[in-house]
Amino acid sequence: MSDLDEDFVLSDLEGEEAHEEGVEEDKKVQVCHLTPETISRGLSLLCRTGNGLGHAFVRLDIKDNGLNDIAAISNYIHIRFLDVSNNHLTDLSPLASLTQLLWLKVDNNAVACFEGQPFTQLPYLQWLSLAGNRLTDVVGLVGPALESLNLTGNSIQRVNGLQGGFFTNLVTLELRGNQLDTTAGISLPNLQHLYLAQNVIKHLEGLERLERLTTLHLRDNQLDTLEGLSSNMTCLQYLNVRGNAILDQKGLQSLSHVSKTLKALVLSENPLVETTDYRLSVLIRLPQLERLDKDPVSSEERTEALERIQEL
């Protein structure tokens, strides 16, 4: 707080200096266009082209170049692996001609929306990361071949549009560090790994559609109950709800829906863990559990839990 207070009482001279520095930074952001020279330095991985008769470089790394324009990339149609991270890009439309793309990393740029972007024209794209951009929703994103999608560290509030028909092959979805307050809208029956840590999620909704999900990561949200877990989730093995607001055993009642498959559960940093016989009470609900928080379930704990179950 003291640093902030000092910022507010800058002298006029210091304020002018800070303004000049900001202007200089803006100038830096405004200059860089992609050049053939920059492209040539970033090319690697010589492979046969589609017809098998020629060769071309298929990997391009142009990260950390201060770029805000990549129009020059459109002629490099054989690129399959592309990293444009840590630039100032808002417009990815020049990628539309790179129809052979399999892997694309656009982390830490300034992309604000998917509408008008080239993803509908990239039929083979399997891995996409747009972490650390300015996205607020996923409207306009289509990825029929996508297997992994990383949208960590944006400002996404809703994920309506993540429908199975548009993402039939999606296995891993990362939405950590956004502004989601619910899990509603993720209708991806083939999804296996879902990472939603560091949002503001208060409600679990729509999870009954995630029939193949094996990993659900919800650390550092605002859940006070696990209501919303579904008996349709017949593959769930790992559930992390560390750092939420679950007060007591009532908040765990819905674990019964996944008790036959769940192997690892993380509940640390919830008020619940301070209650008496916390581990035992959880094991009574989940007798098949192999790991609770950081510790494996001991044979003694399992035996005691089974004895308590028989007494009920």
Protein backbone atom coordinates (compact mmCIF):
# COMPACT_ATOMS: atom_id res chain seq x y z
CA MET A 1 0.00 0.00 0.00
CA SER A 2 2.83 2.41 0.75
CA ASP A 3 4.13 2.07 -2.79
CA LEU A 4 0.70 3.00 -4.12
CA ASP A 5 0.49 5.98 -1.79
CA GLU A 6 3.84 7.20 -3.02
CA ASP A 7 2.62 6.89 -6.61
CA PHE A 8 -0.28 9.21 -5.87
CA VAL A 9 1.99 11.98 -4.50
CA LEU A 10 4.46 12.15 -7.39
CA SER A 11 5.75 15.62 -8.06
CA ASP A 12 4.76 17.33 -11.33
CA LEU A 13 8.22 16.65 -12.67
CA GLU A 14 8.08 12.97 -11.85
CA GLY A 15 4.65 12.76 -13.45
CA GLU A 16 5.97 14.29 -16.64
CA GLU A 17 8.85 11.83 -16.68
CA ALA A 18 6.45 8.92 -16.20
CA HIS A 19 4.30 10.22 -19.06
CA GLU A 20 7.32 10.50 -21.34
CA GLU A 21 8.29 6.92 -20.52
CA GLY A 22 4.75 5.79 -21.41
CA VAL A 23 4.95 7.60 -24.73
CA GLU A 24 8.26 5.92 -25.45
CA GLU A 25 6.69 2.53 -24.70
CA ASP A 26 3.78 3.30 -27.04
CA LYS A 27 6.25 4.13 -29.79
CA LYS A 28 7.91 0.78 -29.28
CA VAL A 29 4.56 -0.98 -29.59
CA GLN A 30 3.70 0.85 -32.81
CA VAL A 31 6.73 0.10 -34.92
CA CYS A 32 7.30 -3.59 -35.65
CA HIS A 33 6.06 -5.24 -38.83
CA LEU A 34 7.12 -8.74 -39.74
CA THR A 35 9.87 -8.81 -42.37
CA PRO A 36 11.22 -11.62 -44.56
CA GLU A 37 14.52 -11.30 -42.67
CA THR A 38 12.82 -11.99 -39.32
CA ILE A 39 11.01 -14.93 -40.85
CA SER A 40 14.19 -16.42 -42.30
CA ARG A 41 15.87 -16.28 -38.88
CA GLY A 42 12.99 -18.15 -37.28
CA LEU A 43 12.54 -20.97 -39.78
CA SER A 44 13.58 -24.55 -38.99
CA LEU A 45 12.61 -28.22 -39.41
CA LEU A 46 12.97 -29.07 -43.09
CA CYS A 47 10.30 -31.56 -44.21
CA ARG A 48 8.68 -32.88 -47.36
CA THR A 49 5.75 -30.85 -48.63
CA GLY A 50 2.27 -32.29 -49.08
CA ASN A 51 2.85 -33.79 -52.52
CA GLY A 52 6.08 -35.43 -51.38
CA LEU A 53 8.04 -33.94 -54.27
CA GLY A 54 9.52 -30.88 -52.57
CA HIS A 55 10.86 -29.70 -49.22
CA ALA A 56 10.11 -26.69 -47.04
CA PHE A 57 10.76 -25.44 -43.54
CA VAL A 58 7.66 -26.15 -41.46
CA ARG A 59 8.49 -24.59 -38.08
CA LEU A 60 8.58 -20.83 -37.48
CA ASP A 61 9.48 -19.11 -34.21
CA ILE A 62 8.98 -15.34 -34.22
CA LYS A 63 8.21 -14.76 -30.55
CA ASP A 64 9.60 -11.74 -28.65
CA ASN A 65 9.91 -9.49 -31.69
CA GLY A 66 7.56 -6.67 -30.70
CA LEU A 67 5.36 -7.43 -33.71
CA ASN A 68 1.93 -5.92 -34.26
CA ASP A 69 1.59 -6.98 -37.89
CA ILE A 70 2.32 -10.40 -39.41
CA ALA A 71 0.96 -9.86 -42.94
CA ALA A 72 4.24 -11.11 -44.43
CA ILE A 73 3.61 -14.59 -43.07
CA SER A 74 0.79 -15.36 -45.50
CA ASN A 75 3.14 -16.60 -48.23
CA TYR A 76 4.68 -19.30 -46.03
CA ILE A 77 1.93 -21.80 -46.65
CA HIS A 78 3.87 -24.89 -45.54
CA ILE A 79 4.24 -23.81 -41.89
CA ARG A 80 2.92 -26.45 -39.47
CA PHE A 81 4.31 -25.22 -36.14
CA LEU A 82 4.15 -21.51 -35.32
CA ASP A 83 5.07 -19.52 -32.20
CA VAL A 84 4.16 -15.81 -32.23
CA SER A 85 4.12 -15.37 -28.44
CA ASN A 86 5.13 -12.22 -26.59
CA ASN A 87 4.32 -9.73 -29.32
CA HIS A 88 1.55 -7.09 -29.67
CA LEU A 89 -0.75 -8.86 -32.11
CA THR A 90 -4.48 -8.18 -32.31
CA ASP A 91 -5.15 -9.50 -35.82
CA LEU A 92 -4.30 -13.08 -36.75
CA SER A 93 -6.10 -13.07 -40.12
CA PRO A 94 -2.83 -13.46 -42.13
CA LEU A 95 -2.70 -17.01 -40.75
CA ALA A 96 -5.70 -17.99 -42.89
CA SER A 97 -3.45 -19.12 -45.75
CA LEU A 98 -1.40 -21.37 -43.43
CA THR A 99 -3.83 -24.24 -43.88
CA GLN A 100 -1.24 -26.86 -42.85
CA LEU A 101 -0.93 -25.51 -39.30
CA LEU A 102 -0.95 -28.21 -36.61
CA TRP A 103 0.39 -26.22 -33.63
CA LEU A 104 -0.08 -22.53 -32.83
CA LYS A 105 1.08 -20.54 -29.81
CA VAL A 106 -0.11 -16.93 -29.48
CA ASP A 107 0.52 -16.38 -25.75
CA ASN A 108 0.90 -12.86 -24.34
CA ASN A 109 -0.42 -10.80 -27.21
CA ALA A 110 -3.48 -8.49 -27.41
CA VAL A 111 -6.08 -10.65 -29.19
CA ALA A 112 -9.49 -9.52 -27.92
CA CYS A 113 -11.96 -11.77 -29.76
CA PHE A 114 -12.24 -14.78 -32.06
CA GLU A 115 -14.63 -13.20 -34.54
CA GLY A 116 -12.79 -12.29 -37.74
CA GLN A 117 -9.86 -14.53 -36.82
CA PRO A 118 -8.71 -17.36 -39.12
CA PHE A 119 -9.50 -20.49 -37.10
CA THR A 120 -12.34 -21.71 -39.30
CA GLN A 121 -9.80 -21.89 -42.14
CA LEU A 122 -7.27 -24.02 -40.25
CA PRO A 123 -8.75 -27.52 -40.59
CA TYR A 124 -5.77 -29.45 -39.20
CA LEU A 125 -4.98 -27.32 -36.14
CA GLN A 126 -4.62 -29.68 -33.16
CA TRP A 127 -2.95 -27.55 -30.47
CA LEU A 128 -3.80 -23.91 -29.77
CA SER A 129 -2.70 -21.60 -26.94
CA LEU A 130 -3.90 -18.02 -26.50
CA ALA A 131 -2.92 -17.59 -22.86
CA GLY A 132 -2.47 -14.06 -21.61
CA ASN A 133 -4.50 -12.19 -24.22
CA ARG A 134 -7.58 -9.95 -23.90
CA LEU A 135 -10.36 -12.40 -24.68
CA THR A 136 -13.71 -11.94 -22.94
CA ASP A 137 -15.61 -14.83 -24.55
CA VAL A 138 -15.13 -17.70 -27.00
CA VAL A 139 -17.72 -16.68 -29.60
CA GLY A 140 -16.47 -17.43 -33.10
CA LEU A 141 -13.95 -20.10 -32.18
CA VAL A 142 -14.24 -23.36 -34.10
CA GLY A 143 -11.73 -26.20 -33.95
CA PRO A 144 -12.86 -29.53 -35.41
CA ALA A 145 -9.34 -31.00 -35.15
CA LEU A 146 -8.32 -29.29 -31.89
CA GLU A 147 -7.15 -31.66 -29.17
CA SER A 148 -5.74 -29.09 -26.73
CA LEU A 149 -6.94 -25.52 -26.13
CA ASN A 150 -5.29 -23.15 -23.63
CA LEU A 151 -7.10 -19.87 -22.80
CA THR A 152 -5.44 -19.26 -19.42
CA GLY A 153 -5.08 -15.71 -18.14
CA ASN A 154 -7.70 -13.89 -20.19
CA SER A 155 -10.89 -12.11 -19.01
CA ILE A 156 -13.43 -14.69 -20.11
CA GLN A 157 -16.71 -14.50 -18.19
CA ARG A 158 -18.80 -17.01 -20.16
CA VAL A 159 -17.93 -19.98 -22.34
CA ASN A 160 -21.18 -20.37 -24.25
CA GLY A 161 -20.17 -21.71 -27.63
CA LEU A 162 -17.92 -24.55 -26.49
CA GLN A 163 -20.18 -27.16 -28.04
CA GLY A 164 -19.18 -30.71 -28.90
CA GLY A 165 -20.20 -30.32 -32.54
CA PHE A 166 -17.49 -27.69 -33.08
CA PHE A 167 -14.81 -29.40 -30.95
CA THR A 168 -15.33 -33.10 -31.49
CA ASN A 169 -11.69 -33.99 -30.75
CA LEU A 170 -10.99 -31.64 -27.84
CA VAL A 171 -9.39 -33.57 -24.96
CA THR A 172 -7.77 -30.81 -22.84
CA LEU A 173 -9.22 -27.39 -22.04
CA GLU A 174 -7.42 -24.82 -19.87
CA LEU A 175 -9.36 -21.79 -18.63
CA ARG A 176 -7.35 -20.94 -15.51
CA GLY A 177 -7.15 -17.35 -14.36
CA ASN A 178 -10.26 -15.98 -16.07
CA GLN A 179 -13.49 -14.51 -14.65
CA LEU A 180 -15.86 -17.47 -14.85
CA ASP A 181 -18.46 -17.73 -12.08
CA THR A 182 -20.01 -20.98 -13.35
CA THR A 183 -19.05 -24.08 -15.31
CA ALA A 184 -22.14 -23.78 -17.52
CA GLY A 185 -21.61 -23.80 -21.29
CA ILE A 186 -18.90 -26.45 -21.55
CA SER A 187 -20.73 -29.10 -23.58
CA LEU A 188 -17.85 -31.30 -24.65
CA PRO A 189 -18.63 -35.01 -24.23
CA ASN A 190 -15.14 -36.09 -25.36
CA LEU A 191 -13.26 -33.77 -23.00
CA GLN A 192 -10.91 -35.55 -20.57
CA HIS A 193 -8.99 -32.78 -18.76
CA LEU A 194 -10.57 -29.50 -17.59
CA TYR A 195 -8.55 -26.84 -15.72
CA LEU A 196 -10.59 -24.02 -14.14
CA ALA A 197 -8.39 -22.85 -11.26
CA GLN A 198 -8.26 -19.18 -10.19
CA ASN A 199 -11.66 -18.08 -11.44
CA VAL A 200 -14.63 -16.94 -9.31
CA ILE A 201 -16.75 -20.06 -9.79
CA LYS A 202 -19.63 -20.39 -7.32
CA HIS A 203 -21.77 -22.99 -9.09
CA LEU A 204 -21.06 -26.29 -10.84
CA GLU A 205 -23.42 -26.52 -13.80
CA GLY A 206 -23.58 -28.57 -16.98
CA LEU A 207 -21.06 -31.16 -15.81
CA GLU A 208 -23.43 -34.00 -16.66
CA ARG A 209 -22.35 -33.54 -20.29
CA LEU A 210 -18.70 -34.30 -19.51
CA GLU A 211 -19.05 -38.05 -19.60
CA ARG A 212 -15.38 -38.81 -20.37
CA LEU A 213 -13.79 -36.30 -18.01
CA THR A 214 -10.98 -37.80 -15.92
CA THR A 215 -9.46 -34.61 -14.43
CA LEU A 216 -11.34 -31.63 -12.99
CA HIS A 217 -9.23 -28.83 -11.48
CA LEU A 218 -11.13 -26.12 -9.57
CA ARG A 219 -8.52 -24.77 -7.16
CA ASP A 220 -8.93 -21.22 -5.80
CA ASN A 221 -12.56 -20.56 -6.66
CA GLN A 222 -15.58 -19.74 -4.47
CA LEU A 223 -17.40 -23.06 -4.17
CA ASP A 224 -19.16 -23.84 -0.89
CA THR A 225 -20.68 -27.07 -2.21
CA LEU A 226 -19.89 -29.72 -4.81
CA GLU A 227 -23.50 -29.89 -5.91
CA GLY A 228 -23.44 -30.25 -9.67
CA LEU A 229 -21.21 -33.30 -9.87
CA SER A 230 -23.12 -35.88 -11.88
CA SER A 231 -23.46 -39.65 -12.03
CA ASN A 232 -22.90 -39.24 -15.79
CA MET A 233 -19.24 -38.46 -14.98
CA THR A 234 -18.31 -42.12 -15.01
CA CYS A 235 -14.61 -41.56 -15.74
CA LEU A 236 -13.67 -38.89 -13.16
CA GLN A 237 -10.50 -39.90 -11.29
CA TYR A 238 -8.97 -36.62 -10.06
CA LEU A 239 -10.80 -33.71 -8.45
CA ASN A 240 -9.02 -30.65 -7.03
CA VAL A 241 -11.10 -28.09 -5.11
CA ARG A 242 -8.28 -26.73 -2.95
CA GLY A 243 -8.75 -23.18 -1.69
CA ASN A 244 -12.53 -22.95 -1.95
CA ALA A 245 -15.18 -22.26 0.74
CA ILE A 246 -16.55 -25.71 1.63
CA LEU A 247 -17.53 -25.51 5.30
CA ASP A 248 -18.70 -28.99 6.25
CA GLN A 249 -19.71 -32.45 5.11
CA LYS A 250 -22.96 -31.17 3.60
CA GLY A 251 -20.91 -29.57 0.86
CA LEU A 252 -19.53 -33.00 -0.09
CA GLN A 253 -22.81 -34.87 -0.54
CA SER A 254 -22.56 -34.86 -4.34
CA LEU A 255 -19.30 -36.81 -4.18
CA SER A 256 -21.51 -39.89 -4.02
CA HIS A 257 -22.08 -39.48 -7.78
CA VAL A 258 -18.40 -40.10 -8.53
CA SER A 259 -17.46 -42.36 -5.62
CA LYS A 260 -16.88 -45.45 -7.76
CA THR A 261 -14.21 -43.88 -9.98
CA LEU A 262 -12.58 -41.06 -7.99
CA LYS A 263 -9.01 -41.93 -6.96
CA ALA A 264 -7.56 -38.58 -5.86
CA LEU A 265 -9.28 -35.68 -4.09
CA VAL A 266 -7.72 -32.38 -2.96
CA LEU A 267 -9.71 -30.44 -0.34
CA SER A 268 -6.94 -28.61 1.51
CA GLU A 269 -7.41 -24.91 2.32
CA ASN A 270 -11.17 -25.32 2.73
CA PRO A 271 -12.69 -24.65 6.19
CA LEU A 272 -13.86 -28.27 6.19
CA VAL A 273 -10.36 -29.64 6.75
CA GLU A 274 -10.24 -28.12 10.25
CA THR A 275 -13.17 -30.25 11.44
CA THR A 276 -12.75 -33.33 13.64
CA ASP A 277 -12.06 -36.64 11.84
CA TYR A 278 -11.98 -34.85 8.51
CA ARG A 279 -10.08 -37.56 6.62
CA LEU A 280 -12.14 -40.37 8.07
CA SER A 281 -15.44 -38.70 7.21
CA VAL A 282 -14.30 -38.21 3.61
CA LEU A 283 -13.20 -41.85 3.31
CA ILE A 284 -16.57 -43.02 4.55
CA ARG A 285 -18.05 -41.24 1.55
CA LEU A 286 -15.30 -42.39 -0.80
CA PRO A 287 -14.07 -45.84 0.29
CA GLN A 288 -12.25 -46.37 -3.04
CA LEU A 289 -10.17 -43.18 -2.71
CA GLU A 290 -6.40 -43.69 -3.02
CA ARG A 291 -5.13 -40.19 -2.19
CA LEU A 292 -6.59 -37.38 -0.10
CA ASP A 293 -4.82 -34.04 -0.37
CA LYS A 294 -1.09 -34.73 -0.54
CA ASP A 295 -1.15 -38.01 1.35
CA PRO A 296 -2.00 -41.53 0.19
CA VAL A 297 -4.80 -43.25 2.08
CA SER A 298 -3.20 -45.64 4.56
CA SER A 299 -4.42 -49.20 5.09
CA GLU A 300 -5.31 -48.28 8.68
CA GLU A 301 -7.48 -45.38 7.52
CA ARG A 302 -9.21 -47.53 4.94
CA THR A 303 -9.91 -50.29 7.47
CA GLU A 304 -11.37 -47.82 9.97
CA ALA A 305 -13.53 -46.22 7.29
CA LEU A 306 -14.89 -49.61 6.19
CA GLU A 307 -15.68 -50.50 9.82
CA ARG A 308 -17.59 -47.24 10.24
CA ILE A 309 -19.50 -47.91 7.00
CA GLN A 310 -20.58 -51.33 8.31
CA GLU A 311 -21.82 -49.74 11.51
CA LEU A 312 -24.04 -47.26 9.66
